C-alpha atoms as a PDB file:
ATOM      1  CA  UNK A   1     -15.119  15.819   8.472  1.00  0.00           C
ATOM      2  CA  UNK A   2     -13.503  13.736  11.279  1.00  0.00           C
ATOM      3  CA  UNK A   3     -10.252  14.479  12.316  1.00  0.00           C
ATOM      4  CA  UNK A   4      -7.184  12.053  11.233  1.00  0.00           C
ATOM      5  CA  UNK A   5      -5.866  10.572  13.740  1.00  0.00           C
ATOM      6  CA  UNK A   6      -1.774  10.367  14.325  1.00  0.00           C
ATOM      7  CA  UNK A   7      -0.055   8.624  16.193  1.00  0.00           C
ATOM      8  CA  UNK A   8       3.753   9.552  17.774  1.00  0.00           C
ATOM      9  CA  UNK A   9       5.892   7.327  19.163  1.00  0.00           C
ATOM     10  CA  UNK A  10       8.993   8.876  20.899  1.00  0.00           C
ATOM     11  CA  UNK A  11      10.189   8.258  23.797  1.00  0.00           C
ATOM     12  CA  UNK A  12      11.359  11.987  24.646  1.00  0.00           C
ATOM     13  CA  UNK A  13       8.379  13.997  26.404  1.00  0.00           C
ATOM     14  CA  UNK A  14      10.108  17.294  25.579  1.00  0.00           C
ATOM     15  CA  UNK A  15       9.982  16.304  21.590  1.00  0.00           C
ATOM     16  CA  UNK A  16       6.561  14.635  21.790  1.00  0.00           C
ATOM     17  CA  UNK A  17       4.639  17.230  23.304  1.00  0.00           C
ATOM     18  CA  UNK A  18       5.752  19.494  20.545  1.00  0.00           C
ATOM     19  CA  UNK A  19       5.239  17.311  18.026  1.00  0.00           C
ATOM     20  CA  UNK A  20       1.558  17.058  19.472  1.00  0.00           C
ATOM     21  CA  UNK A  21       1.036  20.765  20.413  1.00  0.00           C
ATOM     22  CA  UNK A  22       2.141  21.667  16.383  1.00  0.00           C
ATOM     23  CA  UNK A  23       0.143  18.582  15.022  1.00  0.00           C
ATOM     24  CA  UNK A  24      -3.341  19.515  17.023  1.00  0.00           C
ATOM     25  CA  UNK A  25      -3.219  23.125  16.087  1.00  0.00           C
ATOM     26  CA  UNK A  26      -3.184  21.947  12.277  1.00  0.00           C
ATOM     27  CA  UNK A  27      -6.336  19.831  13.223  1.00  0.00           C
ATOM     28  CA  UNK A  28      -5.429  16.574  13.714  1.00  0.00           C
ATOM     29  CA  UNK A  29      -6.147  14.544  17.009  1.00  0.00           C
ATOM     30  CA  UNK A  30      -3.208  13.139  18.341  1.00  0.00           C
ATOM     31  CA  UNK A  31      -2.169   9.831  20.263  1.00  0.00           C
ATOM     32  CA  UNK A  32       1.472   9.213  21.890  1.00  0.00           C
ATOM     33  CA  UNK A  33       3.243   6.351  22.709  1.00  0.00           C
ATOM     34  CA  UNK A  34       6.662   6.284  24.701  1.00  0.00           C
ATOM     35  CA  UNK A  35       8.290   2.777  23.033  1.00  0.00           C
ATOM     36  CA  UNK A  36       7.254   0.329  20.459  1.00  0.00           C
ATOM     37  CA  UNK A  37       5.596  -1.967  22.442  1.00  0.00           C
ATOM     38  CA  UNK A  38       2.954   0.876  23.680  1.00  0.00           C
ATOM     39  CA  UNK A  39       2.423   1.923  20.231  1.00  0.00           C
ATOM     40  CA  UNK A  40       1.703  -1.906  19.109  1.00  0.00           C
ATOM     41  CA  UNK A  41      -0.922  -1.751  21.606  1.00  0.00           C
ATOM     42  CA  UNK A  42      -2.663   1.688  20.320  1.00  0.00           C
ATOM     43  CA  UNK A  43      -2.175   0.080  16.868  1.00  0.00           C
ATOM     44  CA  UNK A  44      -4.289  -3.379  17.866  1.00  0.00           C
ATOM     45  CA  UNK A  45      -6.613  -0.978  19.659  1.00  0.00           C
ATOM     46  CA  UNK A  46      -7.392   1.172  16.999  1.00  0.00           C
ATOM     47  CA  UNK A  47      -5.691   2.009  13.510  1.00  0.00           C
ATOM     48  CA  UNK A  48      -4.724   5.900  13.268  1.00  0.00           C
ATOM     49  CA  UNK A  49      -4.668   7.222   9.983  1.00  0.00           C
ATOM     50  CA  UNK A  50      -0.747   7.606  10.521  1.00  0.00           C
ATOM     51  CA  UNK A  51       2.403   6.611  12.193  1.00  0.00           C
ATOM     52  CA  UNK A  52       5.173   9.318  13.192  1.00  0.00           C
ATOM     53  CA  UNK A  53       7.988   6.777  14.621  1.00  0.00           C
ATOM     54  CA  UNK A  54      10.984   7.769  16.414  1.00  0.00           C
ATOM     55  CA  UNK A  55      14.365   5.651  14.805  1.00  0.00           C
ATOM     56  CA  UNK A  56      15.532   5.781  17.755  1.00  0.00           C
ATOM     57  CA  UNK A  57      13.227   3.909  20.679  1.00  0.00           C
ATOM     58  CA  UNK A  58      14.226   2.007  23.880  1.00  0.00           C
ATOM     59  CA  UNK A  59      12.720  -1.186  23.507  1.00  0.00           C
ATOM     60  CA  UNK A  60      13.003  -1.281  19.365  1.00  0.00           C
ATOM     61  CA  UNK A  61      13.796   0.723  16.177  1.00  0.00           C
ATOM     62  CA  UNK A  62      11.416   2.651  14.404  1.00  0.00           C
ATOM     63  CA  UNK A  63      12.380   1.008  11.591  1.00  0.00           C
ATOM     64  CA  UNK A  64      12.156  -2.414  12.763  1.00  0.00           C
ATOM     65  CA  UNK A  65       7.947  -1.323  14.443  1.00  0.00           C
ATOM     66  CA  UNK A  66       7.517   0.086  10.630  1.00  0.00           C
ATOM     67  CA  UNK A  67       8.302  -3.497   9.205  1.00  0.00           C
ATOM     68  CA  UNK A  68       5.782  -5.254  11.670  1.00  0.00           C
ATOM     69  CA  UNK A  69       3.541  -2.291  10.974  1.00  0.00           C
ATOM     70  CA  UNK A  70       3.482  -3.195   7.464  1.00  0.00           C
ATOM     71  CA  UNK A  71       3.528  -7.173   7.569  1.00  0.00           C
ATOM     72  CA  UNK A  72       0.346  -6.897   9.442  1.00  0.00           C
ATOM     73  CA  UNK A  73      -2.341  -7.522   6.644  1.00  0.00           C
ATOM     74  CA  UNK A  74      -4.421  -4.715   9.632  1.00  0.00           C
ATOM     75  CA  UNK A  75      -1.852  -2.368   9.118  1.00  0.00           C
ATOM     76  CA  UNK A  76       0.052  -2.663   5.906  1.00  0.00           C
ATOM     77  CA  UNK A  77      -1.595   0.451   4.520  1.00  0.00           C
ATOM     78  CA  UNK A  78      -1.229   2.721   7.779  1.00  0.00           C
ATOM     79  CA  UNK A  79       1.209   5.038   6.385  1.00  0.00           C
ATOM     80  CA  UNK A  80       4.476   6.031   8.130  1.00  0.00           C
ATOM     81  CA  UNK A  81       6.698   8.946   8.446  1.00  0.00           C
ATOM     82  CA  UNK A  82      10.052   8.169  10.385  1.00  0.00           C
ATOM     83  CA  UNK A  83      11.926  11.147  12.232  1.00  0.00           C
ATOM     84  CA  UNK A  84      15.485  10.578  13.035  1.00  0.00           C
ATOM     85  CA  UNK A  85      18.406  12.812  13.645  1.00  0.00           C
ATOM     86  CA  UNK A  86      20.243  10.610  11.015  1.00  0.00           C
ATOM     87  CA  UNK A  87      20.539  12.224   7.942  1.00  0.00           C
ATOM     88  CA  UNK A  88      23.262  10.335   5.971  1.00  0.00           C
ATOM     89  CA  UNK A  89      21.467   8.991   2.460  1.00  0.00           C
ATOM     90  CA  UNK A  90      22.179   5.508   3.477  1.00  0.00           C
ATOM     91  CA  UNK A  91      20.402   5.461   6.207  1.00  0.00           C
ATOM     92  CA  UNK A  92      17.294   7.382   4.272  1.00  0.00           C
ATOM     93  CA  UNK A  93      17.156   4.570   1.736  1.00  0.00           C
ATOM     94  CA  UNK A  94      17.130   1.870   4.822  1.00  0.00           C
ATOM     95  CA  UNK A  95      14.622   3.621   6.288  1.00  0.00           C
ATOM     96  CA  UNK A  96      12.665   3.773   2.588  1.00  0.00           C
ATOM     97  CA  UNK A  97      13.435   0.024   2.129  1.00  0.00           C
ATOM     98  CA  UNK A  98      11.719  -0.759   5.261  1.00  0.00           C
ATOM     99  CA  UNK A  99       8.712   0.158   4.295  1.00  0.00           C
ATOM    100  CA  UNK A 100       8.286   3.943   5.703  1.00  0.00           C
ATOM    101  CA  UNK A 101       6.350   6.498   3.534  1.00  0.00           C
ATOM    102  CA  UNK A 102       8.681   9.358   4.190  1.00  0.00           C
ATOM    103  CA  UNK A 103      11.467  10.335   6.274  1.00  0.00           C
ATOM    104  CA  UNK A 104      11.952  13.736   8.090  1.00  0.00           C
ATOM    105  CA  UNK A 105      15.478  14.828   9.842  1.00  0.00           C
ATOM    106  CA  UNK A 106      15.720  16.552  12.976  1.00  0.00           C
ATOM    107  CA  UNK A 107      15.753  19.790  13.907  1.00  0.00           C
ATOM    108  CA  UNK A 108      12.110  20.112  11.819  1.00  0.00           C
ATOM    109  CA  UNK A 109       9.886  22.226  11.967  1.00  0.00           C
ATOM    110  CA  UNK A 110       5.724  22.036  12.740  1.00  0.00           C
ATOM    111  CA  UNK A 111       4.869  23.357   9.413  1.00  0.00           C
ATOM    112  CA  UNK A 112       7.554  21.203   7.317  1.00  0.00           C
ATOM    113  CA  UNK A 113       5.985  18.107   9.596  1.00  0.00           C
ATOM    114  CA  UNK A 114       2.311  19.041   8.806  1.00  0.00           C
ATOM    115  CA  UNK A 115       3.287  19.637   5.119  1.00  0.00           C
ATOM    116  CA  UNK A 116       5.073  16.421   4.792  1.00  0.00           C
ATOM    117  CA  UNK A 117       2.110  14.750   6.423  1.00  0.00           C
ATOM    118  CA  UNK A 118      -0.139  16.169   4.386  1.00  0.00           C
ATOM    119  CA  UNK A 119       2.135  14.586   1.432  1.00  0.00           C
ATOM    120  CA  UNK A 120       1.551  11.280   2.628  1.00  0.00           C
ATOM    121  CA  UNK A 121      -1.881  10.733   3.083  1.00  0.00           C
ATOM    122  CA  UNK A 122      -2.962  12.498  -0.228  1.00  0.00           C
ATOM    123  CA  UNK A 123      -0.738   9.750  -1.366  1.00  0.00           C
ATOM    124  CA  UNK A 124      -2.554   6.928   0.803  1.00  0.00           C
ATOM    125  CA  UNK A 125      -5.893   8.757  -0.124  1.00  0.00           C
ATOM    126  CA  UNK A 126      -6.147   9.542   3.365  1.00  0.00           C
ATOM    127  CA  UNK A 127      -7.335  13.179   3.078  1.00  0.00           C
ATOM    128  CA  UNK A 128      -9.990  13.048   0.144  1.00  0.00           C
ATOM    129  CA  UNK A 129     -13.098  14.855   0.846  1.00  0.00           C
ATOM    130  CA  UNK A 130     -14.964  13.970  -2.722  1.00  0.00           C
ATOM    131  CA  UNK A 131     -14.617   9.875  -3.034  1.00  0.00           C
ATOM    132  CA  UNK A 132     -16.292   9.985  -6.212  1.00  0.00           C
ATOM    133  CA  UNK A 133     -15.009  11.183  -9.389  1.00  0.00           C
ATOM    134  CA  UNK A 134     -16.178  11.625 -13.048  1.00  0.00           C
ATOM    135  CA  UNK A 135     -15.188  12.919 -16.289  1.00  0.00           C
ATOM    136  CA  UNK A 136     -15.814  12.446 -19.483  1.00  0.00           C
ATOM    137  CA  UNK A 137     -17.314   9.124 -19.061  1.00  0.00           C
ATOM    138  CA  UNK A 138     -15.316   7.905 -16.405  1.00  0.00           C
ATOM    139  CA  UNK A 139     -16.106   7.183 -12.968  1.00  0.00           C
ATOM    140  CA  UNK A 140     -13.256   6.891  -9.561  1.00  0.00           C
ATOM    141  CA  UNK A 141     -14.788   5.839  -6.134  1.00  0.00           C
ATOM    142  CA  UNK A 142     -11.939   6.532  -4.279  1.00  0.00           C
ATOM    143  CA  UNK A 143     -13.774   4.903  -1.241  1.00  0.00           C
ATOM    144  CA  UNK A 144     -14.332   1.064  -2.822  1.00  0.00           C
ATOM    145  CA  UNK A 145     -11.619   1.399  -5.006  1.00  0.00           C
ATOM    146  CA  UNK A 146     -13.720   0.939  -8.194  1.00  0.00           C
ATOM    147  CA  UNK A 147     -13.583   2.459 -11.785  1.00  0.00           C
ATOM    148  CA  UNK A 148     -15.874   2.144 -14.257  1.00  0.00           C
ATOM    149  CA  UNK A 149     -15.964   3.024 -17.881  1.00  0.00           C
ATOM    150  CA  UNK A 150     -18.861   3.886 -20.171  1.00  0.00           C
ATOM    151  CA  UNK A 151     -20.685   1.787 -17.139  1.00  0.00           C
ATOM    152  CA  UNK A 152     -18.481  -1.070 -17.618  1.00  0.00           C
ATOM    153  CA  UNK A 153     -15.765  -1.954 -14.566  1.00  0.00           C
ATOM    154  CA  UNK A 154     -12.044  -1.823 -15.124  1.00  0.00           C
ATOM    155  CA  UNK A 155      -9.618  -3.474 -13.638  1.00  0.00           C
ATOM    156  CA  UNK A 156      -6.246  -1.768 -12.766  1.00  0.00           C
ATOM    157  CA  UNK A 157      -3.217  -2.567 -10.695  1.00  0.00           C
ATOM    158  CA  UNK A 158      -2.412   0.089  -8.006  1.00  0.00           C
ATOM    159  CA  UNK A 159      -0.099   2.493  -9.609  1.00  0.00           C
ATOM    160  CA  UNK A 160      -2.484   2.677 -12.175  1.00  0.00           C
ATOM    161  CA  UNK A 161      -5.461   3.183  -9.791  1.00  0.00           C
ATOM    162  CA  UNK A 162      -3.388   6.104  -8.056  1.00  0.00           C
ATOM    163  CA  UNK A 163      -2.325   7.450 -11.486  1.00  0.00           C
ATOM    164  CA  UNK A 164      -6.199   7.812 -13.236  1.00  0.00           C
ATOM    165  CA  UNK A 165      -7.108   9.060  -9.683  1.00  0.00           C
ATOM    166  CA  UNK A 166      -4.714  12.172  -9.497  1.00  0.00           C
ATOM    167  CA  UNK A 167      -5.633  13.009 -13.253  1.00  0.00           C
ATOM    168  CA  UNK A 168      -9.000  12.678 -13.318  1.00  0.00           C
ATOM    169  CA  UNK A 169      -8.790  14.835  -9.580  1.00  0.00           C
ATOM    170  CA  UNK A 170      -6.445  17.234 -12.015  1.00  0.00           C
ATOM    171  CA  UNK A 171      -7.827  17.772 -15.500  1.00  0.00           C
ATOM    172  CA  UNK A 172      -6.281  19.993 -18.260  1.00  0.00           C
ATOM    173  CA  UNK A 173      -3.449  20.914 -17.253  1.00  0.00           C
ATOM    174  CA  UNK A 174      -0.136  19.141 -18.206  1.00  0.00           C
ATOM    175  CA  UNK A 175       2.339  16.984 -15.938  1.00  0.00           C
ATOM    176  CA  UNK A 176       5.784  16.508 -16.961  1.00  0.00           C
ATOM    177  CA  UNK A 177       7.063  13.028 -15.919  1.00  0.00           C
ATOM    178  CA  UNK A 178       9.069  14.566 -13.274  1.00  0.00           C
ATOM    179  CA  UNK A 179       5.958  16.018 -11.928  1.00  0.00           C
ATOM    180  CA  UNK A 180       3.639  12.940 -11.692  1.00  0.00           C
ATOM    181  CA  UNK A 181       6.591  10.697 -10.116  1.00  0.00           C
ATOM    182  CA  UNK A 182       6.442  13.792  -7.268  1.00  0.00           C
ATOM    183  CA  UNK A 183       2.889  13.501  -7.051  1.00  0.00           C
ATOM    184  CA  UNK A 184       2.021  10.154  -7.571  1.00  0.00           C
ATOM    185  CA  UNK A 185       5.170   7.897  -6.204  1.00  0.00           C
ATOM    186  CA  UNK A 186       6.739  10.498  -4.081  1.00  0.00           C
ATOM    187  CA  UNK A 187       9.372  12.519  -4.312  1.00  0.00           C
ATOM    188  CA  UNK A 188      11.098  10.159  -2.038  1.00  0.00           C
ATOM    189  CA  UNK A 189      10.979   7.156  -4.589  1.00  0.00           C
ATOM    190  CA  UNK A 190      13.865   5.901  -6.163  1.00  0.00           C
ATOM    191  CA  UNK A 191      12.331   5.218  -9.532  1.00  0.00           C
ATOM    192  CA  UNK A 192      13.119   6.122 -13.201  1.00  0.00           C
ATOM    193  CA  UNK A 193      10.933   8.938 -15.347  1.00  0.00           C
ATOM    194  CA  UNK A 194      10.242   6.254 -17.749  1.00  0.00           C
ATOM    195  CA  UNK A 195       8.474   4.045 -15.518  1.00  0.00           C
ATOM    196  CA  UNK A 196       5.770   6.609 -15.977  1.00  0.00           C
ATOM    197  CA  UNK A 197       5.293   5.643 -19.358  1.00  0.00           C
ATOM    198  CA  UNK A 198       4.947   1.872 -18.836  1.00  0.00           C
ATOM    199  CA  UNK A 199       1.910   2.819 -16.659  1.00  0.00           C
ATOM    200  CA  UNK A 200       0.416   4.929 -19.019  1.00  0.00           C
ATOM    201  CA  UNK A 201       0.542   2.625 -21.139  1.00  0.00           C
ATOM    202  CA  UNK A 202      -0.790   0.184 -19.238  1.00  0.00           C
ATOM    203  CA  UNK A 203      -3.763   2.790 -17.985  1.00  0.00           C
ATOM    204  CA  UNK A 204      -4.632   3.204 -21.839  1.00  0.00           C
ATOM    205  CA  UNK A 205      -4.676  -0.648 -22.572  1.00  0.00           C
ATOM    206  CA  UNK A 206      -7.144  -0.954 -19.668  1.00  0.00           C
ATOM    207  CA  UNK A 207      -9.203   1.656 -20.953  1.00  0.00           C
ATOM    208  CA  UNK A 208      -8.742   0.986 -24.053  1.00  0.00           C
ATOM    209  CA  UNK A 209     -12.630  -0.973 -24.192  1.00  0.00           C
ATOM    210  CA  UNK A 210     -14.677   1.799 -23.368  1.00  0.00           C
ATOM    211  CA  UNK A 211     -12.859   4.896 -25.504  1.00  0.00           C
ATOM    212  CA  UNK A 212     -11.781   6.490 -22.744  1.00  0.00           C
ATOM    213  CA  UNK A 213      -7.861   5.576 -23.039  1.00  0.00           C
ATOM    214  CA  UNK A 214      -8.200   9.343 -25.400  1.00  0.00           C
ATOM    215  CA  UNK A 215      -8.392  10.889 -21.913  1.00  0.00           C
ATOM    216  CA  UNK A 216      -4.902  10.364 -21.578  1.00  0.00           C
ATOM    217  CA  UNK A 217      -2.912  12.449 -23.867  1.00  0.00           C
ATOM    218  CA  UNK A 218       0.595  12.884 -24.704  1.00  0.00           C
ATOM    219  CA  UNK A 219       1.294  16.111 -24.871  1.00  0.00           C
ATOM    220  CA  UNK A 220       4.782  16.887 -27.057  1.00  0.00           C
ATOM    221  CA  UNK A 221       7.709  17.345 -25.429  1.00  0.00           C
ATOM    222  CA  UNK A 222       5.966  18.512 -22.609  1.00  0.00           C
ATOM    223  CA  UNK A 223       4.696  15.277 -20.122  1.00  0.00           C
ATOM    224  CA  UNK A 224       1.021  14.369 -19.954  1.00  0.00           C
ATOM    225  CA  UNK A 225      -2.538  15.599 -19.519  1.00  0.00           C
ATOM    226  CA  UNK A 226      -5.939  14.395 -19.018  1.00  0.00           C
ATOM    227  CA  UNK A 227      -8.914  15.793 -21.255  1.00  0.00           C
ATOM    228  CA  UNK A 228     -12.190  15.586 -22.298  1.00  0.00           C
ATOM    229  CA  UNK A 229     -10.664  18.134 -25.487  1.00  0.00           C
ATOM    230  CA  UNK A 230      -8.892  16.729 -28.504  1.00  0.00           C
ATOM    231  CA  UNK A 231      -5.508  17.035 -27.664  1.00  0.00           C
ATOM    232  CA  UNK A 232      -3.004  19.460 -29.269  1.00  0.00           C
END
């Protein structure tokens, strides 16, 4: 499988070198930029699989760079992790609302950074090895973003698609609402647990004509399970 490409946007060379070393050891291909102008040139040349952007950069902030990337149709799906010394909750919220997919405060260990990168890529489907998943008459193609149930194509919103993708790749296990929020929405997204119930209902409604809604089972007092077996 081709190594995932990560662009590091950091003006301090020692920090950039340290991050690059850790990512290369973890098997990633690394590109580097010391300011936003250089980063935008590199992204225009070839979009990376993920961008690590420092908040404080010499020409514009990493937050402004993130907003520009998210506004551009060619790069809006490229995940961005903000790197910063700012640890206040308000700053984290500003970063996330500005379009960042995650936020990591300095100092951080290479292991923590790699774990965050893997989590973000998982949420974006960027680390899928198996692109087609089948269970109980349902087929989900991660590459083409298509779902068929009993041979008929099913129309799903982006959140329902991610929810189904998580379920079909993690069958037979019960997940609480909090666990689903963490694994499907991401642990740093500010939404209520009842949001899970809303999207479960939407997913079931979309699957109902094929009878595949039975696969999404409520486990009273525990959460939800995706199973071909009759719920108990």
